[in-house]
């Protein structure tokens, strides 16, 4: 889980930091650090996971409804 960024000669430091930040985000290191910053009881972790799953199901359901409505509108336009 080591991240290495090669710095090119005369490269802008802001560009290097931007690439480093992107690499950290893509590896998921920040997410892991946030999760391990404090202890979460297993029962609470399970509850949060089920709540997140419920939100995702609702989001997916709304997406399907919007798609069906768009298809219906397209059909009426023809």
PDB file of N, CA and C in Angstrom:
ATOM      1  N   UNK A   1       0.824  -1.180   0.000  1.00  0.00           N
ATOM      2  CA  UNK A   1       0.000   0.000   0.000  1.00  0.00           C
ATOM      3  C   UNK A   1       0.877   1.255   0.000  1.00  0.00           C
ATOM      4  N   UNK A   2       2.014   1.124  -0.607  1.00  0.00           N
ATOM      5  CA  UNK A   2       2.928   2.250  -0.699  1.00  0.00           C
ATOM      6  C   UNK A   2       2.641   3.041  -1.955  1.00  0.00           C
ATOM      7  N   UNK A   3       2.572   4.331  -1.804  1.00  0.00           N
ATOM      8  CA  UNK A   3       2.336   5.214  -2.941  1.00  0.00           C
ATOM      9  C   UNK A   3       3.629   5.947  -3.249  1.00  0.00           C
ATOM     10  N   UNK A   4       4.026   5.909  -4.496  1.00  0.00           N
ATOM     11  CA  UNK A   4       5.213   6.663  -4.884  1.00  0.00           C
ATOM     12  C   UNK A   4       4.860   7.543  -6.078  1.00  0.00           C
ATOM     13  N   UNK A   5       5.271   8.783  -5.988  1.00  0.00           N
ATOM     14  CA  UNK A   5       5.048   9.759  -7.042  1.00  0.00           C
ATOM     15  C   UNK A   5       6.415  10.227  -7.528  1.00  0.00           C
ATOM     16  N   UNK A   6       6.666  10.068  -8.792  1.00  0.00           N
ATOM     17  CA  UNK A   6       7.935  10.529  -9.338  1.00  0.00           C
ATOM     18  C   UNK A   6       7.805  12.009  -9.712  1.00  0.00           C
ATOM     19  N   UNK A   7       8.700  12.798  -9.147  1.00  0.00           N
ATOM     20  CA  UNK A   7       8.692  14.236  -9.398  1.00  0.00           C
ATOM     21  C   UNK A   7       9.629  14.518 -10.565  1.00  0.00           C
ATOM     22  N   UNK A   8       9.093  15.144 -11.584  1.00  0.00           N
ATOM     23  CA  UNK A   8       9.894  15.491 -12.753  1.00  0.00           C
ATOM     24  C   UNK A   8      10.683  16.770 -12.476  1.00  0.00           C
ATOM     25  N   UNK A   9      11.727  16.930 -13.200  1.00  0.00           N
ATOM     26  CA  UNK A   9      12.572  18.097 -13.014  1.00  0.00           C
ATOM     27  C   UNK A   9      11.793  19.372 -13.363  1.00  0.00           C
ATOM     28  N   UNK A  10      11.904  20.372 -12.513  1.00  0.00           N
ATOM     29  CA  UNK A  10      11.233  21.667 -12.683  1.00  0.00           C
ATOM     30  C   UNK A  10       9.708  21.544 -12.724  1.00  0.00           C
ATOM     31  N   UNK A  11       9.166  20.521 -12.080  1.00  0.00           N
ATOM     32  CA  UNK A  11       7.705  20.357 -12.056  1.00  0.00           C
ATOM     33  C   UNK A  11       7.107  21.202 -10.932  1.00  0.00           C
ATOM     34  N   UNK A  12       5.977  21.780 -11.198  1.00  0.00           N
ATOM     35  CA  UNK A  12       5.286  22.622 -10.228  1.00  0.00           C
ATOM     36  C   UNK A  12       4.895  21.776  -9.015  1.00  0.00           C
ATOM     37  N   UNK A  13       5.151  22.280  -7.813  1.00  0.00           N
ATOM     38  CA  UNK A  13       4.859  21.536  -6.590  1.00  0.00           C
ATOM     39  C   UNK A  13       3.362  21.299  -6.427  1.00  0.00           C
ATOM     40  N   UNK A  14       2.537  22.242  -6.874  1.00  0.00           N
ATOM     41  CA  UNK A  14       1.086  22.064  -6.777  1.00  0.00           C
ATOM     42  C   UNK A  14       0.623  20.905  -7.645  1.00  0.00           C
ATOM     43  N   UNK A  15       1.254  20.733  -8.792  1.00  0.00           N
ATOM     44  CA  UNK A  15       0.910  19.615  -9.682  1.00  0.00           C
ATOM     45  C   UNK A  15       1.290  18.283  -9.033  1.00  0.00           C
ATOM     46  N   UNK A  16       2.440  18.257  -8.382  1.00  0.00           N
ATOM     47  CA  UNK A  16       2.892  17.043  -7.696  1.00  0.00           C
ATOM     48  C   UNK A  16       1.936  16.701  -6.560  1.00  0.00           C
ATOM     49  N   UNK A  17       1.550  17.696  -5.774  1.00  0.00           N
ATOM     50  CA  UNK A  17       0.609  17.458  -4.679  1.00  0.00           C
ATOM     51  C   UNK A  17      -0.740  16.988  -5.205  1.00  0.00           C
ATOM     52  N   UNK A  18      -1.162  17.529  -6.317  1.00  0.00           N
ATOM     53  CA  UNK A  18      -2.426  17.117  -6.921  1.00  0.00           C
ATOM     54  C   UNK A  18      -2.371  15.649  -7.352  1.00  0.00           C
ATOM     55  N   UNK A  19      -1.271  15.253  -7.960  1.00  0.00           N
ATOM     56  CA  UNK A  19      -1.119  13.850  -8.364  1.00  0.00           C
ATOM     57  C   UNK A  19      -1.067  12.925  -7.156  1.00  0.00           C
ATOM     58  N   UNK A  20      -0.370  13.371  -6.085  1.00  0.00           N
ATOM     59  CA  UNK A  20      -0.298  12.579  -4.862  1.00  0.00           C
ATOM     60  C   UNK A  20      -1.684  12.411  -4.244  1.00  0.00           C
ATOM     61  N   UNK A  21      -2.430  13.493  -4.183  1.00  0.00           N
ATOM     62  CA  UNK A  21      -3.775  13.439  -3.612  1.00  0.00           C
ATOM     63  C   UNK A  21      -4.670  12.493  -4.419  1.00  0.00           C
ATOM     64  N   UNK A  22      -4.567  12.547  -5.734  1.00  0.00           N
ATOM     65  CA  UNK A  22      -5.358  11.653  -6.578  1.00  0.00           C
ATOM     66  C   UNK A  22      -4.981  10.199  -6.343  1.00  0.00           C
ATOM     67  N   UNK A  23      -3.696   9.936  -6.171  1.00  0.00           N
ATOM     68  CA  UNK A  23      -3.242   8.568  -5.918  1.00  0.00           C
ATOM     69  C   UNK A  23      -3.758   8.063  -4.572  1.00  0.00           C
ATOM     70  N   UNK A  24      -3.727   8.930  -3.553  1.00  0.00           N
ATOM     71  CA  UNK A  24      -4.219   8.549  -2.229  1.00  0.00           C
ATOM     72  C   UNK A  24      -5.713   8.247  -2.291  1.00  0.00           C
ATOM     73  N   UNK A  25      -6.462   9.071  -2.997  1.00  0.00           N
ATOM     74  CA  UNK A  25      -7.905   8.857  -3.109  1.00  0.00           C
ATOM     75  C   UNK A  25      -8.216   7.580  -3.868  1.00  0.00           C
ATOM     76  N   UNK A  26      -7.480   7.304  -4.933  1.00  0.00           N
ATOM     77  CA  UNK A  26      -7.761   6.104  -5.725  1.00  0.00           C
ATOM     78  C   UNK A  26      -7.427   4.833  -4.951  1.00  0.00           C
ATOM     79  N   UNK A  27      -6.444   4.897  -4.058  1.00  0.00           N
ATOM     80  CA  UNK A  27      -6.083   3.738  -3.241  1.00  0.00           C
ATOM     81  C   UNK A  27      -7.076   3.519  -2.102  1.00  0.00           C
ATOM     82  N   UNK A  28      -7.832   4.541  -1.748  1.00  0.00           N
ATOM     83  CA  UNK A  28      -8.805   4.413  -0.666  1.00  0.00           C
ATOM     84  C   UNK A  28      -8.180   4.578   0.713  1.00  0.00           C
ATOM     85  N   UNK A  29      -7.015   5.183   0.782  1.00  0.00           N
ATOM     86  CA  UNK A  29      -6.308   5.333   2.047  1.00  0.00           C
ATOM     87  C   UNK A  29      -7.056   6.272   2.983  1.00  0.00           C
ATOM     88  N   UNK A  30      -7.565   7.366   2.452  1.00  0.00           N
ATOM     89  CA  UNK A  30      -8.273   8.329   3.310  1.00  0.00           C
ATOM     90  C   UNK A  30      -9.526   7.710   3.915  1.00  0.00           C
ATOM     91  N   UNK A  31     -10.215   6.906   3.143  1.00  0.00           N
ATOM     92  CA  UNK A  31     -11.416   6.244   3.655  1.00  0.00           C
ATOM     93  C   UNK A  31     -11.053   5.310   4.805  1.00  0.00           C
ATOM     94  N   UNK A  32      -9.960   4.568   4.650  1.00  0.00           N
ATOM     95  CA  UNK A  32      -9.511   3.659   5.687  1.00  0.00           C
ATOM     96  C   UNK A  32      -9.108   4.415   6.945  1.00  0.00           C
ATOM     97  N   UNK A  33      -8.411   5.522   6.768  1.00  0.00           N
ATOM     98  CA  UNK A  33      -7.980   6.322   7.921  1.00  0.00           C
ATOM     99  C   UNK A  33      -9.191   6.850   8.673  1.00  0.00           C
ATOM    100  N   UNK A  34     -10.178   7.335   7.946  1.00  0.00           N
ATOM    101  CA  UNK A  34     -11.377   7.856   8.608  1.00  0.00           C
ATOM    102  C   UNK A  34     -12.116   6.747   9.361  1.00  0.00           C
ATOM    103  N   UNK A  35     -12.193   5.565   8.757  1.00  0.00           N
ATOM    104  CA  UNK A  35     -12.890   4.453   9.403  1.00  0.00           C
ATOM    105  C   UNK A  35     -12.178   4.015  10.672  1.00  0.00           C
ATOM    106  N   UNK A  36     -10.857   4.042  10.678  1.00  0.00           N
ATOM    107  CA  UNK A  36     -10.089   3.551  11.819  1.00  0.00           C
ATOM    108  C   UNK A  36      -9.725   4.642  12.810  1.00  0.00           C
ATOM    109  N   UNK A  37     -10.203   5.859  12.599  1.00  0.00           N
ATOM    110  CA  UNK A  37      -9.852   6.946  13.507  1.00  0.00           C
ATOM    111  C   UNK A  37     -10.531   6.795  14.867  1.00  0.00           C
ATOM    112  N   UNK A  38     -11.625   6.085  14.911  1.00  0.00           N
ATOM    113  CA  UNK A  38     -12.294   5.824  16.173  1.00  0.00           C
ATOM    114  C   UNK A  38     -12.991   4.467  16.098  1.00  0.00           C
ATOM    115  N   UNK A  39     -13.222   3.880  17.264  1.00  0.00           N
ATOM    116  CA  UNK A  39     -13.827   2.554  17.325  1.00  0.00           C
ATOM    117  C   UNK A  39     -15.333   2.653  17.122  1.00  0.00           C
ATOM    118  N   UNK A  40     -15.864   1.752  16.306  1.00  0.00           N
ATOM    119  CA  UNK A  40     -17.302   1.668  16.090  1.00  0.00           C
ATOM    120  C   UNK A  40     -17.725   0.257  16.498  1.00  0.00           C
ATOM    121  N   UNK A  41     -18.707   0.188  17.379  1.00  0.00           N
ATOM    122  CA  UNK A  41     -19.175  -1.112  17.835  1.00  0.00           C
ATOM    123  C   UNK A  41     -19.700  -1.918  16.655  1.00  0.00           C
ATOM    124  N   UNK A  42     -19.535  -3.226  16.695  1.00  0.00           N
ATOM    125  CA  UNK A  42     -20.011  -4.065  15.591  1.00  0.00           C
ATOM    126  C   UNK A  42     -21.510  -3.914  15.306  1.00  0.00           C
ATOM    127  N   UNK A  43     -22.313  -3.762  16.360  1.00  0.00           N
ATOM    128  CA  UNK A  43     -23.758  -3.616  16.147  1.00  0.00           C
ATOM    129  C   UNK A  43     -24.059  -2.295  15.441  1.00  0.00           C
ATOM    130  N   UNK A  44     -23.330  -1.242  15.787  1.00  0.00           N
ATOM    131  CA  UNK A  44     -23.531   0.048  15.139  1.00  0.00           C
ATOM    132  C   UNK A  44     -23.039   0.004  13.696  1.00  0.00           C
ATOM    133  N   UNK A  45     -21.920  -0.688  13.464  1.00  0.00           N
ATOM    134  CA  UNK A  45     -21.400  -0.831  12.104  1.00  0.00           C
ATOM    135  C   UNK A  45     -22.411  -1.556  11.222  1.00  0.00           C
ATOM    136  N   UNK A  46     -23.035  -2.589  11.773  1.00  0.00           N
ATOM    137  CA  UNK A  46     -24.047  -3.351  11.027  1.00  0.00           C
ATOM    138  C   UNK A  46     -25.259  -2.475  10.729  1.00  0.00           C
ATOM    139  N   UNK A  47     -25.666  -1.667  11.704  1.00  0.00           N
ATOM    140  CA  UNK A  47     -26.808  -0.773  11.517  1.00  0.00           C
ATOM    141  C   UNK A  47     -26.510   0.261  10.435  1.00  0.00           C
ATOM    142  N   UNK A  48     -25.323   0.860  10.473  1.00  0.00           N
ATOM    143  CA  UNK A  48     -24.951   1.856   9.473  1.00  0.00           C
ATOM    144  C   UNK A  48     -24.886   1.232   8.076  1.00  0.00           C
ATOM    145  N   UNK A  49     -24.389   0.014   8.009  1.00  0.00           N
ATOM    146  CA  UNK A  49     -24.293  -0.670   6.722  1.00  0.00           C
ATOM    147  C   UNK A  49     -25.680  -0.943   6.153  1.00  0.00           C
ATOM    148  N   UNK A  50     -26.615  -1.360   6.995  1.00  0.00           N
ATOM    149  CA  UNK A  50     -27.973  -1.636   6.512  1.00  0.00           C
ATOM    150  C   UNK A  50     -28.675  -0.342   6.096  1.00  0.00           C
ATOM    151  N   UNK A  51     -28.426   0.759   6.827  1.00  0.00           N
ATOM    152  CA  UNK A  51     -29.021   2.040   6.451  1.00  0.00           C
ATOM    153  C   UNK A  51     -28.477   2.523   5.109  1.00  0.00           C
ATOM    154  N   UNK A  52     -27.178   2.339   4.897  1.00  0.00           N
ATOM    155  CA  UNK A  52     -26.574   2.724   3.623  1.00  0.00           C
ATOM    156  C   UNK A  52     -27.148   1.881   2.483  1.00  0.00           C
ATOM    157  N   UNK A  53     -27.356   0.600   2.736  1.00  0.00           N
ATOM    158  CA  UNK A  53     -27.939  -0.276   1.724  1.00  0.00           C
ATOM    159  C   UNK A  53     -29.365   0.158   1.392  1.00  0.00           C
ATOM    160  N   UNK A  54     -30.131   0.562   2.404  1.00  0.00           N
ATOM    161  CA  UNK A  54     -31.497   1.029   2.174  1.00  0.00           C
ATOM    162  C   UNK A  54     -31.497   2.308   1.337  1.00  0.00           C
ATOM    163  N   UNK A  55     -30.571   3.233   1.630  1.00  0.00           N
ATOM    164  CA  UNK A  55     -30.470   4.462   0.835  1.00  0.00           C
ATOM    165  C   UNK A  55     -30.113   4.137  -0.615  1.00  0.00           C
ATOM    166  N   UNK A  56     -29.209   3.188  -0.804  1.00  0.00           N
ATOM    167  CA  UNK A  56     -28.799   2.826  -2.158  1.00  0.00           C
ATOM    168  C   UNK A  56     -29.948   2.177  -2.924  1.00  0.00           C
ATOM    169  N   UNK A  57     -30.720   1.317  -2.244  1.00  0.00           N
ATOM    170  CA  UNK A  57     -31.883   0.689  -2.906  1.00  0.00           C
ATOM    171  C   UNK A  57     -32.884   1.748  -3.340  1.00  0.00           C
ATOM    172  N   UNK A  58     -33.150   2.722  -2.456  1.00  0.00           N
ATOM    173  CA  UNK A  58     -34.097   3.785  -2.788  1.00  0.00           C
ATOM    174  C   UNK A  58     -33.585   4.610  -3.969  1.00  0.00           C
ATOM    175  N   UNK A  59     -32.283   4.897  -3.973  1.00  0.00           N
ATOM    176  CA  UNK A  59     -31.682   5.651  -5.059  1.00  0.00           C
ATOM    177  C   UNK A  59     -31.801   4.890  -6.378  1.00  0.00           C
ATOM    178  N   UNK A  60     -31.510   3.592  -6.362  1.00  0.00           N
ATOM    179  CA  UNK A  60     -31.616   2.773  -7.568  1.00  0.00           C
ATOM    180  C   UNK A  60     -33.060   2.695  -8.064  1.00  0.00           C
ATOM    181  N   UNK A  61     -33.989   2.591  -7.120  1.00  0.00           N
ATOM    182  CA  UNK A  61     -35.409   2.532  -7.481  1.00  0.00           C
ATOM    183  C   UNK A  61     -35.849   3.827  -8.161  1.00  0.00           C
ATOM    184  N   UNK A  62     -35.428   4.964  -7.618  1.00  0.00           N
ATOM    185  CA  UNK A  62     -35.784   6.245  -8.218  1.00  0.00           C
ATOM    186  C   UNK A  62     -35.166   6.389  -9.611  1.00  0.00           C
ATOM    187  N   UNK A  63     -33.964   5.863  -9.783  1.00  0.00           N
ATOM    188  CA  UNK A  63     -33.307   5.917 -11.084  1.00  0.00           C
ATOM    189  C   UNK A  63     -34.108   5.103 -12.109  1.00  0.00           C
ATOM    190  N   UNK A  64     -34.573   3.930 -11.706  1.00  0.00           N
ATOM    191  CA  UNK A  64     -35.376   3.107 -12.618  1.00  0.00           C
ATOM    192  C   UNK A  64     -36.692   3.797 -12.971  1.00  0.00           C
ATOM    193  N   UNK A  65     -37.302   4.450 -11.991  1.00  0.00           N
ATOM    194  CA  UNK A  65     -38.559   5.162 -12.245  1.00  0.00           C
ATOM    195  C   UNK A  65     -38.327   6.290 -13.240  1.00  0.00           C
ATOM    196  N   UNK A  66     -37.242   7.045 -13.050  1.00  0.00           N
ATOM    197  CA  UNK A  66     -36.931   8.140 -13.979  1.00  0.00           C
ATOM    198  C   UNK A  66     -36.671   7.614 -15.390  1.00  0.00           C
ATOM    199  N   UNK A  67     -35.977   6.493 -15.489  1.00  0.00           N
ATOM    200  CA  UNK A  67     -35.712   5.913 -16.801  1.00  0.00           C
ATOM    201  C   UNK A  67     -37.002   5.501 -17.485  1.00  0.00           C
ATOM    202  N   UNK A  68     -37.922   4.888 -16.728  1.00  0.00           N
ATOM    203  CA  UNK A  68     -39.198   4.467 -17.295  1.00  0.00           C
ATOM    204  C   UNK A  68     -40.007   5.680 -17.748  1.00  0.00           C
ATOM    205  N   UNK A  69     -39.982   6.751 -16.961  1.00  0.00           N
ATOM    206  CA  UNK A  69     -40.709   7.959 -17.342  1.00  0.00           C
ATOM    207  C   UNK A  69     -40.111   8.576 -18.601  1.00  0.00           C
ATOM    208  N   UNK A  70     -38.799   8.592 -18.701  1.00  0.00           N
ATOM    209  CA  UNK A  70     -38.151   9.132 -19.901  1.00  0.00           C
ATOM    210  C   UNK A  70     -38.487   8.302 -21.136  1.00  0.00           C
ATOM    211  N   UNK A  71     -38.486   6.985 -20.978  1.00  0.00           N
ATOM    212  CA  UNK A  71     -38.850   6.118 -22.105  1.00  0.00           C
ATOM    213  C   UNK A  71     -40.294   6.357 -22.517  1.00  0.00           C
ATOM    214  N   UNK A  72     -41.173   6.541 -21.552  1.00  0.00           N
ATOM    215  CA  UNK A  72     -42.579   6.786 -21.836  1.00  0.00           C
ATOM    216  C   UNK A  72     -42.737   8.122 -22.564  1.00  0.00           C
ATOM    217  N   UNK A  73     -42.011   9.137 -22.105  1.00  0.00           N
ATOM    218  CA  UNK A  73     -42.078  10.448 -22.772  1.00  0.00           C
ATOM    219  C   UNK A  73     -41.557  10.365 -24.185  1.00  0.00           C
ATOM    220  N   UNK A  74     -40.486   9.615 -24.405  1.00  0.00           N
ATOM    221  CA  UNK A  74     -39.943   9.441 -25.741  1.00  0.00           C
ATOM    222  C   UNK A  74     -40.960   8.735 -26.650  1.00  0.00           C
ATOM    223  N   UNK A  75     -41.657   7.758 -26.101  1.00  0.00           N
ATOM    224  CA  UNK A  75     -42.642   7.013 -26.864  1.00  0.00           C
ATOM    225  C   UNK A  75     -43.797   7.927 -27.275  1.00  0.00           C
ATOM    226  N   UNK A  76     -44.233   8.815 -26.343  1.00  0.00           N
ATOM    227  CA  UNK A  76     -45.332   9.729 -26.646  1.00  0.00           C
ATOM    228  C   UNK A  76     -44.931  10.774 -27.689  1.00  0.00           C
ATOM    229  N   UNK A  77     -43.662  11.154 -27.709  1.00  0.00           N
ATOM    230  CA  UNK A  77     -43.192  12.148 -28.656  1.00  0.00           C
ATOM    231  C   UNK A  77     -43.186  11.636 -30.087  1.00  0.00           C
ATOM    232  N   UNK A  78     -43.110  10.354 -30.273  1.00  0.00           N
ATOM    233  CA  UNK A  78     -43.050   9.788 -31.632  1.00  0.00           C
ATOM    234  C   UNK A  78     -44.387   9.711 -32.254  1.00  0.00           C
TER     235      UNK A  78
END
